[in-house]
Amino acid sequence: MSVELLENAIHRPCPDMTCYSLNSEQKSKGLERLAKVKAQLKEDQLVNLRQERQQLQSAYAKTDSPREQSRITRLINIIDAKAIRISERWS
């Protein structure tokens, strides 16, 4: 008894259906748009983190308490780690 292996039809559209095939110009435009969207999503997420980090830095400068400064430093380190993960994910 043997099992028949089927290919994924998504990657091999029917040859008689030309509407499913893209020419090289359409492919390159699509890839450019995809790269722009990825960059925009990455930047949108990083903008929020930058603003939050800036607020924490100003709060750090205003406070005199070592305990509060260490808490803010910890939060800034967490934000930096998030920014690195986002940059790696969307690169």
PDB file of N, CA and C in Angstrom:
ATOM      1  N   MET A   1       0.844  -1.172   0.000  1.00  0.00           N
ATOM      2  CA  MET A   1       0.000   0.000   0.000  1.00  0.00           C
ATOM      3  C   MET A   1       0.893   1.239   0.000  1.00  0.00           C
ATOM      4  N   SER A   2       0.680   2.122  -0.952  1.00  0.00           N
ATOM      5  CA  SER A   2       1.509   3.326  -1.030  1.00  0.00           C
ATOM      6  C   SER A   2       0.633   4.568  -0.910  1.00  0.00           C
ATOM      7  N   VAL A   3       1.258   5.620  -0.450  1.00  0.00           N
ATOM      8  CA  VAL A   3       0.553   6.883  -0.271  1.00  0.00           C
ATOM      9  C   VAL A   3       1.022   7.846  -1.346  1.00  0.00           C
ATOM     10  N   GLU A   4       0.073   8.449  -2.023  1.00  0.00           N
ATOM     11  CA  GLU A   4       0.411   9.387  -3.087  1.00  0.00           C
ATOM     12  C   GLU A   4       0.725  10.752  -2.483  1.00  0.00           C
ATOM     13  N   LEU A   5       1.869  11.323  -2.848  1.00  0.00           N
ATOM     14  CA  LEU A   5       2.258  12.644  -2.375  1.00  0.00           C
ATOM     15  C   LEU A   5       1.778  13.690  -3.373  1.00  0.00           C
ATOM     16  N   LEU A   6       1.097  14.697  -2.864  1.00  0.00           N
ATOM     17  CA  LEU A   6       0.589  15.761  -3.719  1.00  0.00           C
ATOM     18  C   LEU A   6       1.417  17.019  -3.516  1.00  0.00           C
ATOM     19  N   GLU A   7       1.661  17.725  -4.608  1.00  0.00           N
ATOM     20  CA  GLU A   7       2.394  18.983  -4.509  1.00  0.00           C
ATOM     21  C   GLU A   7       1.446  20.087  -4.075  1.00  0.00           C
ATOM     22  N   ASN A   8       2.018  21.108  -3.497  1.00  0.00           N
ATOM     23  CA  ASN A   8       1.225  22.245  -3.056  1.00  0.00           C
ATOM     24  C   ASN A   8       0.791  23.048  -4.289  1.00  0.00           C
ATOM     25  N   ALA A   9      -0.504  23.104  -4.540  1.00  0.00           N
ATOM     26  CA  ALA A   9      -1.028  23.758  -5.738  1.00  0.00           C
ATOM     27  C   ALA A   9      -0.855  25.271  -5.717  1.00  0.00           C
ATOM     28  N   ILE A  10      -0.638  25.841  -4.553  1.00  0.00           N
ATOM     29  CA  ILE A  10      -0.490  27.290  -4.468  1.00  0.00           C
ATOM     30  C   ILE A  10       0.756  27.746  -5.215  1.00  0.00           C
ATOM     31  N   HIS A  11       1.811  26.971  -5.139  1.00  0.00           N
ATOM     32  CA  HIS A  11       3.063  27.357  -5.766  1.00  0.00           C
ATOM     33  C   HIS A  11       3.131  26.958  -7.235  1.00  0.00           C
ATOM     34  N   ARG A  12       2.196  26.161  -7.679  1.00  0.00           N
ATOM     35  CA  ARG A  12       2.167  25.742  -9.081  1.00  0.00           C
ATOM     36  C   ARG A  12       0.758  25.933  -9.618  1.00  0.00           C
ATOM     37  N   PRO A  13       0.397  27.167  -9.986  1.00  0.00           N
ATOM     38  CA  PRO A  13      -0.958  27.403 -10.488  1.00  0.00           C
ATOM     39  C   PRO A  13      -1.180  26.705 -11.827  1.00  0.00           C
ATOM     40  N   CYS A  14      -2.413  26.551 -12.169  1.00  0.00           N
ATOM     41  CA  CYS A  14      -2.767  25.896 -13.425  1.00  0.00           C
ATOM     42  C   CYS A  14      -2.211  26.699 -14.602  1.00  0.00           C
ATOM     43  N   PRO A  15      -1.603  26.041 -15.578  1.00  0.00           N
ATOM     44  CA  PRO A  15      -1.014  26.778 -16.701  1.00  0.00           C
ATOM     45  C   PRO A  15      -2.053  27.493 -17.558  1.00  0.00           C
ATOM     46  N   ASP A  16      -3.285  27.010 -17.578  1.00  0.00           N
ATOM     47  CA  ASP A  16      -4.302  27.653 -18.403  1.00  0.00           C
ATOM     48  C   ASP A  16      -4.933  28.861 -17.710  1.00  0.00           C
ATOM     49  N   MET A  17      -4.571  29.148 -16.473  1.00  0.00           N
ATOM     50  CA  MET A  17      -5.125  30.286 -15.744  1.00  0.00           C
ATOM     51  C   MET A  17      -4.037  31.360 -15.619  1.00  0.00           C
ATOM     52  N   THR A  18      -3.896  32.163 -16.654  1.00  0.00           N
ATOM     53  CA  THR A  18      -2.824  33.158 -16.682  1.00  0.00           C
ATOM     54  C   THR A  18      -3.029  34.263 -15.656  1.00  0.00           C
ATOM     55  N   CYS A  19      -4.246  34.418 -15.150  1.00  0.00           N
ATOM     56  CA  CYS A  19      -4.491  35.473 -14.167  1.00  0.00           C
ATOM     57  C   CYS A  19      -3.745  35.214 -12.861  1.00  0.00           C
ATOM     58  N   TYR A  20      -3.309  33.981 -12.629  1.00  0.00           N
ATOM     59  CA  TYR A  20      -2.612  33.654 -11.389  1.00  0.00           C
ATOM     60  C   TYR A  20      -1.097  33.813 -11.497  1.00  0.00           C
ATOM     61  N   SER A  21      -0.604  34.034 -12.686  1.00  0.00           N
ATOM     62  CA  SER A  21       0.844  34.177 -12.821  1.00  0.00           C
ATOM     63  C   SER A  21       1.204  35.658 -12.901  1.00  0.00           C
ATOM     64  N   LEU A  22       2.312  36.016 -12.279  1.00  0.00           N
ATOM     65  CA  LEU A  22       2.780  37.397 -12.261  1.00  0.00           C
ATOM     66  C   LEU A  22       4.020  37.514 -13.128  1.00  0.00           C
ATOM     67  N   ASN A  23       4.124  38.664 -13.795  1.00  0.00           N
ATOM     68  CA  ASN A  23       5.364  38.881 -14.531  1.00  0.00           C
ATOM     69  C   ASN A  23       6.414  39.444 -13.580  1.00  0.00           C
ATOM     70  N   SER A  24       7.622  39.592 -14.057  1.00  0.00           N
ATOM     71  CA  SER A  24       8.718  40.010 -13.172  1.00  0.00           C
ATOM     72  C   SER A  24       8.516  41.429 -12.651  1.00  0.00           C
ATOM     73  N   GLU A  25       7.910  42.301 -13.442  1.00  0.00           N
ATOM     74  CA  GLU A  25       7.655  43.677 -12.987  1.00  0.00           C
ATOM     75  C   GLU A  25       6.662  43.690 -11.822  1.00  0.00           C
ATOM     76  N   GLN A  26       5.600  42.905 -11.938  1.00  0.00           N
ATOM     77  CA  GLN A  26       4.611  42.827 -10.862  1.00  0.00           C
ATOM     78  C   GLN A  26       5.219  42.224  -9.603  1.00  0.00           C
ATOM     79  N   LYS A  27       6.067  41.225  -9.777  1.00  0.00           N
ATOM     80  CA  LYS A  27       6.724  40.611  -8.627  1.00  0.00           C
ATOM     81  C   LYS A  27       7.635  41.609  -7.925  1.00  0.00           C
ATOM     82  N   SER A  28       8.414  42.360  -8.703  1.00  0.00           N
ATOM     83  CA  SER A  28       9.338  43.318  -8.078  1.00  0.00           C
ATOM     84  C   SER A  28       8.578  44.440  -7.386  1.00  0.00           C
ATOM     85  N   LYS A  29       7.489  44.919  -7.985  1.00  0.00           N
ATOM     86  CA  LYS A  29       6.674  45.951  -7.331  1.00  0.00           C
ATOM     87  C   LYS A  29       6.070  45.423  -6.033  1.00  0.00           C
ATOM     88  N   GLY A  30       5.589  44.203  -6.067  1.00  0.00           N
ATOM     89  CA  GLY A  30       5.014  43.602  -4.867  1.00  0.00           C
ATOM     90  C   GLY A  30       6.039  43.445  -3.760  1.00  0.00           C
ATOM     91  N   LEU A  31       7.247  43.031  -4.124  1.00  0.00           N
ATOM     92  CA  LEU A  31       8.302  42.879  -3.121  1.00  0.00           C
ATOM     93  C   LEU A  31       8.728  44.233  -2.559  1.00  0.00           C
ATOM     94  N   GLU A  32       8.757  45.267  -3.405  1.00  0.00           N
ATOM     95  CA  GLU A  32       9.085  46.614  -2.925  1.00  0.00           C
ATOM     96  C   GLU A  32       8.026  47.107  -1.944  1.00  0.00           C
ATOM     97  N   ARG A  33       6.775  46.891  -2.286  1.00  0.00           N
ATOM     98  CA  ARG A  33       5.686  47.311  -1.392  1.00  0.00           C
ATOM     99  C   ARG A  33       5.737  46.546  -0.074  1.00  0.00           C
ATOM    100  N   LEU A  34       6.036  45.268  -0.157  1.00  0.00           N
ATOM    101  CA  LEU A  34       6.150  44.457   1.056  1.00  0.00           C
ATOM    102  C   LEU A  34       7.275  44.977   1.950  1.00  0.00           C
ATOM    103  N   ALA A  35       8.395  45.336   1.347  1.00  0.00           N
ATOM    104  CA  ALA A  35       9.513  45.876   2.125  1.00  0.00           C
ATOM    105  C   ALA A  35       9.130  47.206   2.768  1.00  0.00           C
ATOM    106  N   LYS A  36       8.386  48.044   2.040  1.00  0.00           N
ATOM    107  CA  LYS A  36       7.945  49.328   2.601  1.00  0.00           C
ATOM    108  C   LYS A  36       7.002  49.122   3.778  1.00  0.00           C
ATOM    109  N   VAL A  37       6.083  48.180   3.646  1.00  0.00           N
ATOM    110  CA  VAL A  37       5.128  47.906   4.726  1.00  0.00           C
ATOM    111  C   VAL A  37       5.860  47.373   5.954  1.00  0.00           C
ATOM    112  N   LYS A  38       6.815  46.475   5.739  1.00  0.00           N
ATOM    113  CA  LYS A  38       7.592  45.948   6.869  1.00  0.00           C
ATOM    114  C   LYS A  38       8.345  47.066   7.575  1.00  0.00           C
ATOM    115  N   ALA A  39       8.961  47.950   6.798  1.00  0.00           N
ATOM    116  CA  ALA A  39       9.711  49.063   7.395  1.00  0.00           C
ATOM    117  C   ALA A  39       8.782  50.004   8.148  1.00  0.00           C
ATOM    118  N   GLN A  40       7.600  50.233   7.591  1.00  0.00           N
ATOM    119  CA  GLN A  40       6.637  51.125   8.246  1.00  0.00           C
ATOM    120  C   GLN A  40       6.130  50.516   9.555  1.00  0.00           C
ATOM    121  N   LEU A  41       5.823  49.237   9.558  1.00  0.00           N
ATOM    122  CA  LEU A  41       5.374  48.573  10.786  1.00  0.00           C
ATOM    123  C   LEU A  41       6.461  48.611  11.854  1.00  0.00           C
ATOM    124  N   LYS A  42       7.687  48.360  11.433  1.00  0.00           N
ATOM    125  CA  LYS A  42       8.810  48.413  12.371  1.00  0.00           C
ATOM    126  C   LYS A  42       8.948  49.809  12.962  1.00  0.00           C
ATOM    127  N   GLU A  43       8.893  50.817  12.110  1.00  0.00           N
ATOM    128  CA  GLU A  43       9.065  52.195  12.581  1.00  0.00           C
ATOM    129  C   GLU A  43       7.913  52.621  13.487  1.00  0.00           C
ATOM    130  N   ASP A  44       6.690  52.209  13.163  1.00  0.00           N
ATOM    131  CA  ASP A  44       5.540  52.557  14.010  1.00  0.00           C
ATOM    132  C   ASP A  44       5.696  51.999  15.420  1.00  0.00           C
ATOM    133  N   GLN A  45       6.188  50.777  15.518  1.00  0.00           N
ATOM    134  CA  GLN A  45       6.380  50.180  16.838  1.00  0.00           C
ATOM    135  C   GLN A  45       7.536  50.841  17.580  1.00  0.00           C
ATOM    136  N   LEU A  46       8.586  51.193  16.852  1.00  0.00           N
ATOM    137  CA  LEU A  46       9.747  51.801  17.500  1.00  0.00           C
ATOM    138  C   LEU A  46       9.480  53.236  17.946  1.00  0.00           C
ATOM    139  N   VAL A  47       8.608  53.949  17.241  1.00  0.00           N
ATOM    140  CA  VAL A  47       8.291  55.333  17.622  1.00  0.00           C
ATOM    141  C   VAL A  47       7.689  55.363  19.021  1.00  0.00           C
ATOM    142  N   ASN A  48       6.766  54.464  19.296  1.00  0.00           N
ATOM    143  CA  ASN A  48       6.147  54.414  20.623  1.00  0.00           C
ATOM    144  C   ASN A  48       7.180  54.117  21.709  1.00  0.00           C
ATOM    145  N   LEU A  49       8.087  53.196  21.422  1.00  0.00           N
ATOM    146  CA  LEU A  49       9.113  52.861  22.408  1.00  0.00           C
ATOM    147  C   LEU A  49      10.072  54.029  22.630  1.00  0.00           C
ATOM    148  N   ARG A  50      10.396  54.738  21.554  1.00  0.00           N
ATOM    149  CA  ARG A  50      11.286  55.899  21.700  1.00  0.00           C
ATOM    150  C   ARG A  50      10.652  56.972  22.575  1.00  0.00           C
ATOM    151  N   GLN A  51       9.360  57.213  22.360  1.00  0.00           N
ATOM    152  CA  GLN A  51       8.664  58.226  23.160  1.00  0.00           C
ATOM    153  C   GLN A  51       8.631  57.817  24.634  1.00  0.00           C
ATOM    154  N   GLU A  52       8.330  56.560  24.881  1.00  0.00           N
ATOM    155  CA  GLU A  52       8.275  56.073  26.262  1.00  0.00           C
ATOM    156  C   GLU A  52       9.656  56.155  26.920  1.00  0.00           C
ATOM    157  N   ARG A  53      10.692  55.821  26.161  1.00  0.00           N
ATOM    158  CA  ARG A  53      12.057  55.890  26.693  1.00  0.00           C
ATOM    159  C   ARG A  53      12.444  57.336  27.001  1.00  0.00           C
ATOM    160  N   GLN A  54      12.050  58.253  26.140  1.00  0.00           N
ATOM    161  CA  GLN A  54      12.353  59.668  26.363  1.00  0.00           C
ATOM    162  C   GLN A  54      11.680  60.182  27.633  1.00  0.00           C
ATOM    163  N   GLN A  55      10.441  59.775  27.856  1.00  0.00           N
ATOM    164  CA  GLN A  55       9.735  60.178  29.070  1.00  0.00           C
ATOM    165  C   GLN A  55      10.436  59.628  30.313  1.00  0.00           C
ATOM    166  N   LEU A  56      10.875  58.383  30.228  1.00  0.00           N
ATOM    167  CA  LEU A  56      11.573  57.788  31.368  1.00  0.00           C
ATOM    168  C   LEU A  56      12.914  58.478  31.624  1.00  0.00           C
ATOM    169  N   GLN A  57      13.595  58.864  30.567  1.00  0.00           N
ATOM    170  CA  GLN A  57      14.868  59.562  30.750  1.00  0.00           C
ATOM    171  C   GLN A  57      14.671  60.921  31.408  1.00  0.00           C
ATOM    172  N   SER A  58      13.608  61.611  31.030  1.00  0.00           N
ATOM    173  CA  SER A  58      13.349  62.901  31.673  1.00  0.00           C
ATOM    174  C   SER A  58      12.942  62.701  33.134  1.00  0.00           C
ATOM    175  N   ALA A  59      12.193  61.637  33.417  1.00  0.00           N
ATOM    176  CA  ALA A  59      11.828  61.341  34.806  1.00  0.00           C
ATOM    177  C   ALA A  59      13.070  60.966  35.613  1.00  0.00           C
ATOM    178  N   TYR A  60      14.002  60.266  34.992  1.00  0.00           N
ATOM    179  CA  TYR A  60      15.248  59.893  35.666  1.00  0.00           C
ATOM    180  C   TYR A  60      16.049  61.142  36.030  1.00  0.00           C
ATOM    181  N   ALA A  61      16.073  62.109  35.130  1.00  0.00           N
ATOM    182  CA  ALA A  61      16.832  63.337  35.381  1.00  0.00           C
ATOM    183  C   ALA A  61      16.201  64.163  36.501  1.00  0.00           C
ATOM    184  N   LYS A  62      14.891  64.070  36.661  1.00  0.00           N
ATOM    185  CA  LYS A  62      14.188  64.880  37.661  1.00  0.00           C
ATOM    186  C   LYS A  62      14.248  64.279  39.063  1.00  0.00           C
ATOM    187  N   THR A  63      14.404  62.980  39.156  1.00  0.00           N
ATOM    188  CA  THR A  63      14.341  62.330  40.467  1.00  0.00           C
ATOM    189  C   THR A  63      15.707  62.314  41.157  1.00  0.00           C
ATOM    190  N   ASP A  64      15.661  62.341  42.472  1.00  0.00           N
ATOM    191  CA  ASP A  64      16.884  62.275  43.271  1.00  0.00           C
ATOM    192  C   ASP A  64      16.992  60.965  44.046  1.00  0.00           C
ATOM    193  N   SER A  65      15.938  60.203  44.043  1.00  0.00           N
ATOM    194  CA  SER A  65      15.897  58.958  44.810  1.00  0.00           C
ATOM    195  C   SER A  65      16.653  57.845  44.064  1.00  0.00           C
ATOM    196  N   PRO A  66      17.627  57.222  44.709  1.00  0.00           N
ATOM    197  CA  PRO A  66      18.354  56.117  44.063  1.00  0.00           C
ATOM    198  C   PRO A  66      17.452  54.924  43.749  1.00  0.00           C
ATOM    199  N   ARG A  67      16.474  54.691  44.593  1.00  0.00           N
ATOM    200  CA  ARG A  67      15.546  53.585  44.365  1.00  0.00           C
ATOM    201  C   ARG A  67      14.719  53.843  43.098  1.00  0.00           C
ATOM    202  N   GLU A  68      14.227  55.060  42.951  1.00  0.00           N
ATOM    203  CA  GLU A  68      13.439  55.422  41.769  1.00  0.00           C
ATOM    204  C   GLU A  68      14.321  55.404  40.518  1.00  0.00           C
ATOM    205  N   GLN A  69      15.553  55.844  40.647  1.00  0.00           N
ATOM    206  CA  GLN A  69      16.466  55.828  39.506  1.00  0.00           C
ATOM    207  C   GLN A  69      16.757  54.401  39.051  1.00  0.00           C
ATOM    208  N   SER A  70      16.915  53.486  39.987  1.00  0.00           N
ATOM    209  CA  SER A  70      17.162  52.091  39.602  1.00  0.00           C
ATOM    210  C   SER A  70      15.927  51.475  38.948  1.00  0.00           C
ATOM    211  N   ARG A  71      14.744  51.842  39.428  1.00  0.00           N
ATOM    212  CA  ARG A  71      13.506  51.348  38.808  1.00  0.00           C
ATOM    213  C   ARG A  71      13.390  51.859  37.377  1.00  0.00           C
ATOM    214  N   ILE A  72      13.677  53.140  37.189  1.00  0.00           N
ATOM    215  CA  ILE A  72      13.591  53.729  35.851  1.00  0.00           C
ATOM    216  C   ILE A  72      14.654  53.122  34.931  1.00  0.00           C
ATOM    217  N   THR A  73      15.833  52.885  35.459  1.00  0.00           N
ATOM    218  CA  THR A  73      16.894  52.255  34.668  1.00  0.00           C
ATOM    219  C   THR A  73      16.471  50.865  34.212  1.00  0.00           C
ATOM    220  N   ARG A  74      15.833  50.120  35.099  1.00  0.00           N
ATOM    221  CA  ARG A  74      15.341  48.785  34.744  1.00  0.00           C
ATOM    222  C   ARG A  74      14.300  48.876  33.630  1.00  0.00           C
ATOM    223  N   LEU A  75      13.392  49.852  33.733  1.00  0.00           N
ATOM    224  CA  LEU A  75      12.369  50.023  32.695  1.00  0.00           C
ATOM    225  C   LEU A  75      12.995  50.427  31.359  1.00  0.00           C
ATOM    226  N   ILE A  76      14.008  51.277  31.411  1.00  0.00           N
ATOM    227  CA  ILE A  76      14.694  51.680  30.178  1.00  0.00           C
ATOM    228  C   ILE A  76      15.382  50.474  29.539  1.00  0.00           C
ATOM    229  N   ASN A  77      15.982  49.619  30.350  1.00  0.00           N
ATOM    230  CA  ASN A  77      16.621  48.409  29.814  1.00  0.00           C
ATOM    231  C   ASN A  77      15.602  47.476  29.170  1.00  0.00           C
ATOM    232  N   ILE A  78      14.423  47.385  29.762  1.00  0.00           N
ATOM    233  CA  ILE A  78      13.353  46.559  29.181  1.00  0.00           C
ATOM    234  C   ILE A  78      12.924  47.124  27.834  1.00  0.00           C
ATOM    235  N   ILE A  79      12.784  48.441  27.758  1.00  0.00           N
ATOM    236  CA  ILE A  79      12.396  49.083  26.501  1.00  0.00           C
ATOM    237  C   ILE A  79      13.472  48.861  25.441  1.00  0.00           C
ATOM    238  N   ASP A  80      14.737  48.967  25.829  1.00  0.00           N
ATOM    239  CA  ASP A  80      15.828  48.730  24.881  1.00  0.00           C
ATOM    240  C   ASP A  80      15.794  47.300  24.350  1.00  0.00           C
ATOM    241  N   ALA A  81      15.517  46.345  25.220  1.00  0.00           N
ATOM    242  CA  ALA A  81      15.428  44.945  24.793  1.00  0.00           C
ATOM    243  C   ALA A  81      14.256  44.743  23.832  1.00  0.00           C
ATOM    244  N   LYS A  82      13.129  45.398  24.113  1.00  0.00           N
ATOM    245  CA  LYS A  82      11.978  45.307  23.202  1.00  0.00           C
ATOM    246  C   LYS A  82      12.324  45.888  21.842  1.00  0.00           C
ATOM    247  N   ALA A  83      13.027  47.015  21.835  1.00  0.00           N
ATOM    248  CA  ALA A  83      13.404  47.654  20.573  1.00  0.00           C
ATOM    249  C   ALA A  83      14.326  46.753  19.756  1.00  0.00           C
ATOM    250  N   ILE A  84      15.234  46.078  20.423  1.00  0.00           N
ATOM    251  CA  ILE A  84      16.136  45.163  19.719  1.00  0.00           C
ATOM    252  C   ILE A  84      15.350  44.003  19.123  1.00  0.00           C
ATOM    253  N   ARG A  85      14.414  43.448  19.890  1.00  0.00           N
ATOM    254  CA  ARG A  85      13.591  42.336  19.377  1.00  0.00           C
ATOM    255  C   ARG A  85      12.753  42.775  18.183  1.00  0.00           C
ATOM    256  N   ILE A  86      12.175  43.969  18.261  1.00  0.00           N
ATOM    257  CA  ILE A  86      11.365  44.471  17.149  1.00  0.00           C
ATOM    258  C   ILE A  86      12.229  44.672  15.914  1.00  0.00           C
ATOM    259  N   SER A  87      13.411  45.248  16.095  1.00  0.00           N
ATOM    260  CA  SER A  87      14.314  45.468  14.960  1.00  0.00           C
ATOM    261  C   SER A  87      14.719  44.149  14.312  1.00  0.00           C
ATOM    262  N   GLU A  88      14.999  43.152  15.124  1.00  0.00           N
ATOM    263  CA  GLU A  88      15.370  41.843  14.581  1.00  0.00           C
ATOM    264  C   GLU A  88      14.190  41.177  13.888  1.00  0.00           C
ATOM    265  N   ARG A  89      13.009  41.311  14.468  1.00  0.00           N
ATOM    266  CA  ARG A  89      11.825  40.664  13.907  1.00  0.00           C
ATOM    267  C   ARG A  89      11.443  41.247  12.549  1.00  0.00           C
ATOM    268  N   TRP A  90      11.525  42.561  12.404  1.00  0.00           N
ATOM    269  CA  TRP A  90      11.070  43.208  11.181  1.00  0.00           C
ATOM    270  C   TRP A  90      12.192  43.487  10.196  1.00  0.00           C
ATOM    271  N   SER A  91      13.392  42.957  10.435  1.00  0.00           N
ATOM    272  CA  SER A  91      14.497  43.170   9.488  1.00  0.00           C
ATOM    273  C   SER A  91      14.518  42.088   8.438  1.00  0.00           C
TER     274      SER A  91
END
